[in-house]
């Protein structure tokens, strides 16, 4: 009897220890199945761990990560940090983005195991003579599922700004640097002051947080992003090229007007307007929205008269390739004109002057900005 009991105990213990082993083996087999080559896949494959070792800011030398997905719908709103976008459909037109050194390790990915774009591009790169090519077949879905950091492009940030979306854009540079220029809508929370500025972060931890700093050699945005994740924020992104790229992409062309914002929303400061009007009046369209009789009695030389009660039906005639500045005697009608065009004017770059203005018959004027 005692021998039978002992045998039963041994059997129970054996079953308990065997279960985890069976689960572990099945899990490993499932993971392995994901990376088993499929028909048409490129010959050299890598997994998440391999990719994670090669993803870094500053960029790892001798490595280029290539996102083969389309730009606007997939790459722009979320990609592996440091990845260069070369959509497979545009590969032949964008070969100039590839490194000159053909021994550079190229790591390509796209939209997961059912996506062939990265495999197709890998074959094209090999035909160009690149000798160290690998594909991450599980791609972006696997990267996100396993907690890999995600970055966005400048185009995506511009879209969020234009759409007035719900997000928080954070400049992680020191204040003295950020004060020289920031991306529109950004708030400055330097990485060194992160813990002292927690009140600036949104209460809703699902709010998208986008961190940037001084470019691909700057680690401050990555450090701040990781701190935000540890606080429980669930949608933390980075923009690694940061302010240097943004400034380059959105720099005003030579001769473009520099109109600084005034105190009232949509207004421009008197100082910036007068400087532009003196140095380059053709760079803006100045529209006097007073009645024709008032305009005839005196206006700013070079302005165009479109009375406020006629503006709505003439919006289609306004230019979209340069700023349109509205003016009146007090800022009331010009402000109304701005509101009308912002509502109905599409791509018109509208603003107004919020000032008390005295117009003279000879085209001269005097302006006093509202306090």
Protein backbone atom coordinates (compact mmCIF):
# COMPACT_ATOMS: atom_id res chain seq x y z
CA UNK A 1 0.00 0.00 0.00
CA UNK A 2 2.78 2.40 0.96
CA UNK A 3 4.54 1.65 -2.32
CA UNK A 4 1.35 2.51 -4.26
CA UNK A 5 0.97 5.84 -2.41
CA UNK A 6 4.58 6.73 -3.14
CA UNK A 7 4.09 5.95 -6.82
CA UNK A 8 0.96 8.18 -6.90
CA UNK A 9 2.84 11.13 -5.33
CA UNK A 10 5.67 10.75 -7.82
CA UNK A 11 3.17 10.71 -10.71
CA UNK A 12 1.42 13.88 -9.46
CA UNK A 13 4.72 15.74 -9.03
CA UNK A 14 5.80 14.66 -12.48
CA UNK A 15 2.61 16.01 -14.03
CA UNK A 16 3.01 19.36 -12.28
CA UNK A 17 6.58 19.82 -13.51
CA UNK A 18 5.76 18.64 -17.01
CA UNK A 19 2.98 21.19 -17.66
CA UNK A 20 5.18 24.31 -17.72
CA UNK A 21 7.70 22.50 -19.90
CA UNK A 22 4.99 21.60 -22.42
CA UNK A 23 3.72 25.24 -22.46
CA UNK A 24 7.20 26.63 -22.87
CA UNK A 25 7.94 24.32 -25.77
CA UNK A 26 4.67 25.27 -27.46
CA UNK A 27 5.37 28.99 -26.98
CA UNK A 28 8.84 28.67 -28.45
CA UNK A 29 7.42 26.72 -31.37
CA UNK A 30 4.79 29.41 -31.98
CA UNK A 31 7.42 32.18 -31.95
CA UNK A 32 9.63 30.20 -34.28
CA UNK A 33 6.72 29.66 -36.67
CA UNK A 34 6.34 33.39 -37.12
CA UNK A 35 9.87 33.73 -38.48
CA UNK A 36 9.86 30.59 -40.62
CA UNK A 37 10.56 31.66 -44.20
CA UNK A 38 7.54 31.87 -46.47
CA UNK A 39 7.44 31.78 -50.21
CA UNK A 40 8.90 34.98 -51.59
CA UNK A 41 10.56 36.02 -48.34
CA UNK A 42 14.13 37.26 -48.37
CA UNK A 43 16.71 34.68 -47.30
CA UNK A 44 18.23 36.50 -44.27
CA UNK A 45 15.76 37.11 -41.43
CA UNK A 46 16.09 38.71 -37.99
CA UNK A 47 13.83 39.01 -34.94
CA UNK A 48 12.82 41.70 -32.44
CA UNK A 49 15.86 41.18 -30.21
CA UNK A 50 18.26 41.63 -33.12
CA UNK A 51 16.47 44.81 -34.20
CA UNK A 52 16.38 46.21 -30.68
CA UNK A 53 20.17 45.84 -30.43
CA UNK A 54 20.56 47.95 -33.57
CA UNK A 55 18.03 50.70 -32.80
CA UNK A 56 19.55 53.64 -30.99
CA UNK A 57 19.75 57.43 -30.84
CA UNK A 58 22.40 58.52 -31.80
CA UNK A 59 22.16 56.16 -34.75
CA UNK A 60 24.33 53.05 -34.63
CA UNK A 61 27.24 53.37 -37.05
CA UNK A 62 27.35 51.02 -40.00
CA UNK A 63 23.60 50.32 -39.85
CA UNK A 64 20.68 51.70 -41.83
CA UNK A 65 17.11 50.77 -40.90
CA UNK A 66 14.67 51.02 -43.80
CA UNK A 67 10.89 51.25 -43.49
CA UNK A 68 9.44 49.95 -46.78
CA UNK A 69 5.85 51.06 -46.06
CA UNK A 70 4.03 54.02 -47.68
CA UNK A 71 4.83 57.34 -46.04
CA UNK A 72 1.67 59.26 -45.20
CA UNK A 73 -0.57 56.49 -43.91
CA UNK A 74 2.00 54.25 -42.22
CA UNK A 75 5.53 55.60 -41.81
CA UNK A 76 4.65 59.17 -40.76
CA UNK A 77 2.35 58.30 -37.82
CA UNK A 78 4.63 55.59 -36.42
CA UNK A 79 7.96 53.97 -37.28
CA UNK A 80 11.06 52.49 -35.66
CA UNK A 81 13.30 55.33 -34.38
CA UNK A 82 15.98 56.29 -36.87
CA UNK A 83 14.37 54.39 -39.75
CA UNK A 84 14.64 55.91 -43.23
CA UNK A 85 11.47 55.74 -45.28
CA UNK A 86 11.99 54.19 -48.72
CA UNK A 87 8.59 52.88 -49.81
CA UNK A 88 9.00 49.78 -51.96
CA UNK A 89 6.86 51.39 -54.66
CA UNK A 90 9.36 54.27 -54.79
CA UNK A 91 12.54 52.25 -54.27
CA UNK A 92 14.05 52.81 -57.72
CA UNK A 93 13.36 56.55 -57.49
CA UNK A 94 14.85 56.89 -53.99
CA UNK A 95 18.06 54.86 -54.24
CA UNK A 96 19.97 58.05 -53.43
CA UNK A 97 18.85 57.58 -49.81
CA UNK A 98 20.86 54.36 -49.59
CA UNK A 99 24.39 54.54 -48.12
CA UNK A 100 27.40 54.83 -50.43
CA UNK A 101 29.15 52.02 -48.55
CA UNK A 102 27.60 48.81 -49.85
CA UNK A 103 28.84 46.82 -46.85
CA UNK A 104 26.53 48.82 -44.59
CA UNK A 105 24.08 46.59 -42.76
CA UNK A 106 20.62 47.23 -44.16
CA UNK A 107 17.72 46.20 -41.90
CA UNK A 108 14.37 46.34 -43.68
CA UNK A 109 10.85 45.96 -42.29
CA UNK A 110 7.25 46.69 -43.19
CA UNK A 111 3.77 45.78 -41.93
CA UNK A 112 4.25 42.28 -40.53
CA UNK A 113 4.42 38.68 -41.68
CA UNK A 114 1.85 39.18 -44.44
CA UNK A 115 3.68 42.19 -45.87
CA UNK A 116 6.08 41.57 -48.77
CA UNK A 117 7.33 45.14 -49.25
CA UNK A 118 10.51 44.78 -47.19
CA UNK A 119 11.36 41.45 -48.86
CA UNK A 120 10.87 42.97 -52.32
CA UNK A 121 13.08 45.94 -51.44
CA UNK A 122 15.75 43.65 -49.97
CA UNK A 123 16.03 41.82 -53.30
CA UNK A 124 16.31 45.16 -55.11
CA UNK A 125 19.06 46.31 -52.74
CA UNK A 126 20.96 43.07 -53.29
CA UNK A 127 20.82 43.59 -57.05
CA UNK A 128 22.41 47.00 -56.48
CA UNK A 129 25.38 45.30 -54.84
CA UNK A 130 24.59 45.63 -51.11
CA UNK A 131 26.11 42.65 -49.31
CA UNK A 132 24.77 42.82 -45.75
CA UNK A 133 20.98 42.80 -45.95
CA UNK A 134 18.48 41.44 -43.44
CA UNK A 135 14.69 41.59 -43.14
CA UNK A 136 12.66 41.84 -39.94
CA UNK A 137 9.58 39.97 -41.21
CA UNK A 138 7.41 40.49 -38.13
CA UNK A 139 7.82 44.20 -38.73
CA UNK A 140 6.01 47.11 -37.12
CA UNK A 141 3.15 45.10 -35.51
CA UNK A 142 5.65 42.94 -33.62
CA UNK A 143 7.82 45.94 -32.73
CA UNK A 144 4.88 47.75 -31.12
CA UNK A 145 3.48 44.64 -29.44
CA UNK A 146 6.81 44.00 -27.72
CA UNK A 147 7.15 47.57 -26.46
CA UNK A 148 9.66 48.92 -28.93
CA UNK A 149 9.88 52.75 -28.97
CA UNK A 150 7.97 54.48 -31.77
CA UNK A 151 8.76 57.69 -33.61
CA UNK A 152 6.76 60.03 -35.83
CA UNK A 153 7.78 62.24 -38.73
CA UNK A 154 7.68 66.01 -39.19
CA UNK A 155 4.79 65.56 -41.63
CA UNK A 156 2.71 63.87 -38.93
CA UNK A 157 3.40 66.66 -36.43
CA UNK A 158 2.43 69.25 -39.04
CA UNK A 159 -0.83 67.39 -39.63
CA UNK A 160 -1.60 67.34 -35.88
CA UNK A 161 -0.91 71.07 -35.67
CA UNK A 162 -3.10 71.86 -38.68
CA UNK A 163 -5.91 69.62 -37.45
CA UNK A 164 -5.75 71.06 -33.91
CA UNK A 165 -5.65 67.49 -32.63
CA UNK A 166 -5.41 66.44 -28.99
CA UNK A 167 -1.72 65.85 -28.21
CA UNK A 168 1.15 67.33 -26.22
CA UNK A 169 4.35 68.21 -28.07
CA UNK A 170 7.29 68.55 -25.67
CA UNK A 171 10.65 70.22 -26.33
CA UNK A 172 13.08 68.43 -24.00
CA UNK A 173 15.95 70.87 -24.54
CA UNK A 174 17.17 73.32 -21.87
CA UNK A 175 15.07 76.49 -21.68
CA UNK A 176 17.90 78.75 -22.87
CA UNK A 177 18.06 76.72 -26.10
CA UNK A 178 14.31 76.28 -26.58
CA UNK A 179 13.77 80.02 -26.12
CA UNK A 180 15.63 80.58 -29.40
CA UNK A 181 12.98 78.65 -31.31
CA UNK A 182 10.51 75.80 -30.84
CA UNK A 183 8.08 73.86 -33.02
CA UNK A 184 4.65 75.57 -32.97
CA UNK A 185 2.36 74.37 -30.14
CA UNK A 186 5.28 72.81 -28.21
CA UNK A 187 5.82 73.32 -24.49
CA UNK A 188 9.30 73.32 -23.03
CA UNK A 189 9.93 70.72 -20.33
CA UNK A 190 13.68 70.22 -20.26
CA UNK A 191 14.75 66.70 -19.41
CA UNK A 192 16.75 68.02 -16.46
CA UNK A 193 13.58 69.66 -15.08
CA UNK A 194 11.22 66.77 -15.91
CA UNK A 195 10.30 65.88 -12.32
CA UNK A 196 9.62 69.53 -11.43
CA UNK A 197 7.14 69.99 -14.26
CA UNK A 198 4.83 67.00 -13.92
CA UNK A 199 1.89 69.40 -13.66
CA UNK A 200 2.42 70.33 -17.32
CA UNK A 201 1.67 66.77 -18.43
CA UNK A 202 -1.94 65.88 -19.32
CA UNK A 203 -4.17 64.18 -16.75
CA UNK A 204 -5.37 61.69 -19.36
CA UNK A 205 -2.51 59.21 -19.70
CA UNK A 206 -3.77 58.06 -23.10
CA UNK A 207 -3.04 61.50 -24.58
CA UNK A 208 -0.33 61.26 -27.26
CA UNK A 209 2.95 62.71 -25.97
CA UNK A 210 5.58 63.59 -28.59
CA UNK A 211 9.09 64.42 -27.38
CA UNK A 212 11.82 66.05 -29.45
CA UNK A 213 15.14 67.77 -28.83
CA UNK A 214 18.22 68.82 -30.83
CA UNK A 215 18.46 66.16 -33.52
CA UNK A 216 19.74 62.64 -34.06
CA UNK A 217 22.70 63.16 -31.71
CA UNK A 218 20.49 64.35 -28.85
CA UNK A 219 19.30 61.82 -26.26
CA UNK A 220 17.16 64.16 -24.12
CA UNK A 221 13.86 63.37 -25.85
CA UNK A 222 14.43 59.62 -25.50
CA UNK A 223 15.23 60.02 -21.82
CA UNK A 224 12.13 62.12 -21.17
CA UNK A 225 9.94 59.75 -23.18
CA UNK A 226 11.08 56.83 -21.04
CA UNK A 227 10.28 58.79 -17.87
CA UNK A 228 6.79 59.49 -19.20
CA UNK A 229 6.25 55.79 -19.92
CA UNK A 230 7.24 54.94 -16.36
CA UNK A 231 4.58 57.39 -15.16
CA UNK A 232 1.98 55.32 -16.98
CA UNK A 233 1.53 57.29 -20.21
CA UNK A 234 0.52 54.79 -22.86
CA UNK A 235 1.05 56.68 -26.12
CA UNK A 236 4.55 58.14 -25.89
CA UNK A 237 6.32 58.96 -29.16
CA UNK A 238 9.50 60.71 -30.23
CA UNK A 239 10.55 62.86 -33.16
CA UNK A 240 14.31 62.09 -33.32
CA UNK A 241 15.37 64.57 -36.07
CA UNK A 242 13.93 67.25 -33.77
CA UNK A 243 14.14 71.00 -34.10
CA UNK A 244 17.07 71.09 -36.58
CA UNK A 245 15.05 69.18 -39.19
CA UNK A 246 11.85 71.10 -38.44
CA UNK A 247 13.62 74.44 -38.81
CA UNK A 248 15.12 73.33 -42.11
CA UNK A 249 11.80 72.06 -43.48
CA UNK A 250 9.82 75.11 -42.41
CA UNK A 251 12.37 77.89 -42.80
CA UNK A 252 10.97 80.92 -44.56
CA UNK A 253 12.35 81.23 -48.11
CA UNK A 254 14.55 84.19 -48.96
CA UNK A 255 12.46 87.31 -49.19
CA UNK A 256 9.52 85.77 -47.34
CA UNK A 257 7.76 88.03 -44.85
CA UNK A 258 8.46 87.60 -41.16
CA UNK A 259 5.19 88.50 -39.44
CA UNK A 260 5.33 88.00 -35.69
CA UNK A 261 2.15 87.20 -33.80
CA UNK A 262 0.42 90.01 -31.94
CA UNK A 263 -1.38 89.79 -28.60
CA UNK A 264 -4.80 89.03 -30.10
CA UNK A 265 -5.28 85.63 -31.76
CA UNK A 266 -4.73 85.93 -35.50
CA UNK A 267 -3.12 89.35 -35.27
CA UNK A 268 0.40 90.38 -36.27
CA UNK A 269 2.52 92.81 -34.33
CA UNK A 270 2.73 96.37 -35.62
CA UNK A 271 6.54 96.25 -35.54
CA UNK A 272 6.80 93.14 -37.70
CA UNK A 273 4.20 94.40 -40.16
CA UNK A 274 5.87 97.80 -40.58
CA UNK A 275 9.29 96.19 -41.08
CA UNK A 276 7.91 93.85 -43.75
CA UNK A 277 5.88 96.59 -45.43
CA UNK A 278 8.92 98.84 -45.60
CA UNK A 279 11.43 96.22 -46.79
CA UNK A 280 9.31 93.92 -48.97
CA UNK A 281 5.74 95.15 -49.48
CA UNK A 282 5.15 92.77 -52.38
CA UNK A 283 5.57 89.77 -50.07
CA UNK A 284 2.13 90.30 -48.48
CA UNK A 285 -1.31 91.36 -49.68
CA UNK A 286 -2.65 94.18 -47.51
CA UNK A 287 -6.45 94.49 -47.63
CA UNK A 288 -8.27 97.50 -46.24
CA UNK A 289 -11.76 96.28 -45.24
CA UNK A 290 -13.28 99.71 -44.58
CA UNK A 291 -16.00 101.07 -46.81
CA UNK A 292 -15.05 102.47 -50.22
CA UNK A 293 -15.73 106.05 -49.08
CA UNK A 294 -13.37 105.70 -46.11
CA UNK A 295 -10.73 104.06 -48.31
CA UNK A 296 -10.92 106.91 -50.84
CA UNK A 297 -10.35 109.50 -48.11
CA UNK A 298 -7.07 107.91 -47.04
CA UNK A 299 -5.40 104.51 -46.80
CA UNK A 300 -2.02 102.83 -46.60
CA UNK A 301 -0.32 103.20 -49.97
CA UNK A 302 -0.26 99.81 -51.70
CA UNK A 303 -3.29 98.34 -49.94
CA UNK A 304 -6.34 96.91 -51.74
CA UNK A 305 -9.90 97.76 -50.79
CA UNK A 306 -12.37 94.92 -50.17
CA UNK A 307 -15.10 96.24 -47.87
CA UNK A 308 -16.07 93.88 -45.08
CA UNK A 309 -19.61 93.42 -46.43
CA UNK A 310 -18.17 92.21 -49.78
CA UNK A 311 -15.41 89.97 -48.44
CA UNK A 312 -17.28 86.67 -48.26
CA UNK A 313 -18.15 86.63 -51.96
CA UNK A 314 -14.59 87.62 -52.91
CA UNK A 315 -12.69 85.10 -50.76
CA UNK A 316 -11.96 82.94 -53.81
CA UNK A 317 -9.94 85.82 -55.30
CA UNK A 318 -7.50 85.95 -52.36
CA UNK A 319 -4.00 84.56 -52.94
CA UNK A 320 -2.80 81.42 -51.16
CA UNK A 321 0.91 81.78 -52.01
CA UNK A 322 1.57 84.71 -49.66
CA UNK A 323 0.14 86.13 -46.42
CA UNK A 324 -3.02 88.24 -46.52
CA UNK A 325 -3.17 90.97 -43.85
CA UNK A 326 -6.43 92.76 -43.08
CA UNK A 327 -6.49 96.33 -41.80
CA UNK A 328 -9.11 98.86 -40.66
CA UNK A 329 -9.17 101.84 -38.32
CA UNK A 330 -9.47 100.04 -34.99
CA UNK A 331 -8.92 96.32 -35.51
CA UNK A 332 -12.63 95.52 -35.21
CA UNK A 333 -13.52 94.99 -38.87
CA UNK A 334 -10.08 93.59 -39.72
CA UNK A 335 -10.50 91.03 -36.92
CA UNK A 336 -13.92 90.12 -38.30
CA UNK A 337 -12.35 89.70 -41.74
CA UNK A 338 -9.74 87.37 -40.28
CA UNK A 339 -12.44 85.26 -38.58
CA UNK A 340 -14.43 85.06 -41.82
CA UNK A 341 -11.49 83.92 -43.91
CA UNK A 342 -10.31 81.39 -41.33
CA UNK A 343 -13.80 79.88 -41.45
CA UNK A 344 -14.32 79.98 -45.22
CA UNK A 345 -10.98 80.73 -46.85
CA UNK A 346 -9.33 77.33 -47.07
CA UNK A 347 -5.59 77.74 -47.54
CA UNK A 348 -5.51 81.55 -47.36
CA UNK A 349 -2.79 82.64 -44.89
CA UNK A 350 -4.85 85.27 -43.09
CA UNK A 351 -3.99 87.66 -40.26
CA UNK A 352 -4.98 91.17 -39.15
CA UNK A 353 -3.59 94.27 -37.50
CA UNK A 354 -5.10 95.00 -34.10
CA UNK A 355 -4.26 98.69 -33.80
CA UNK A 356 -5.64 102.21 -33.86
CA UNK A 357 -4.68 103.55 -37.26
CA UNK A 358 -4.82 107.05 -38.70
CA UNK A 359 -4.91 107.07 -42.52
CA UNK A 360 -3.73 110.08 -44.52
CA UNK A 361 -4.77 111.11 -48.04
CA UNK A 362 -1.17 110.89 -49.29
CA UNK A 363 -0.90 107.16 -48.37
CA UNK A 364 1.01 107.68 -45.15
CA UNK A 365 -0.32 106.40 -41.82
CA UNK A 366 0.35 106.08 -38.11
CA UNK A 367 -0.36 102.95 -36.00
CA UNK A 368 -0.72 102.46 -32.27
CA UNK A 369 -0.87 98.83 -31.21
CA UNK A 370 -3.63 97.88 -28.77
CA UNK A 371 -2.44 97.30 -25.22
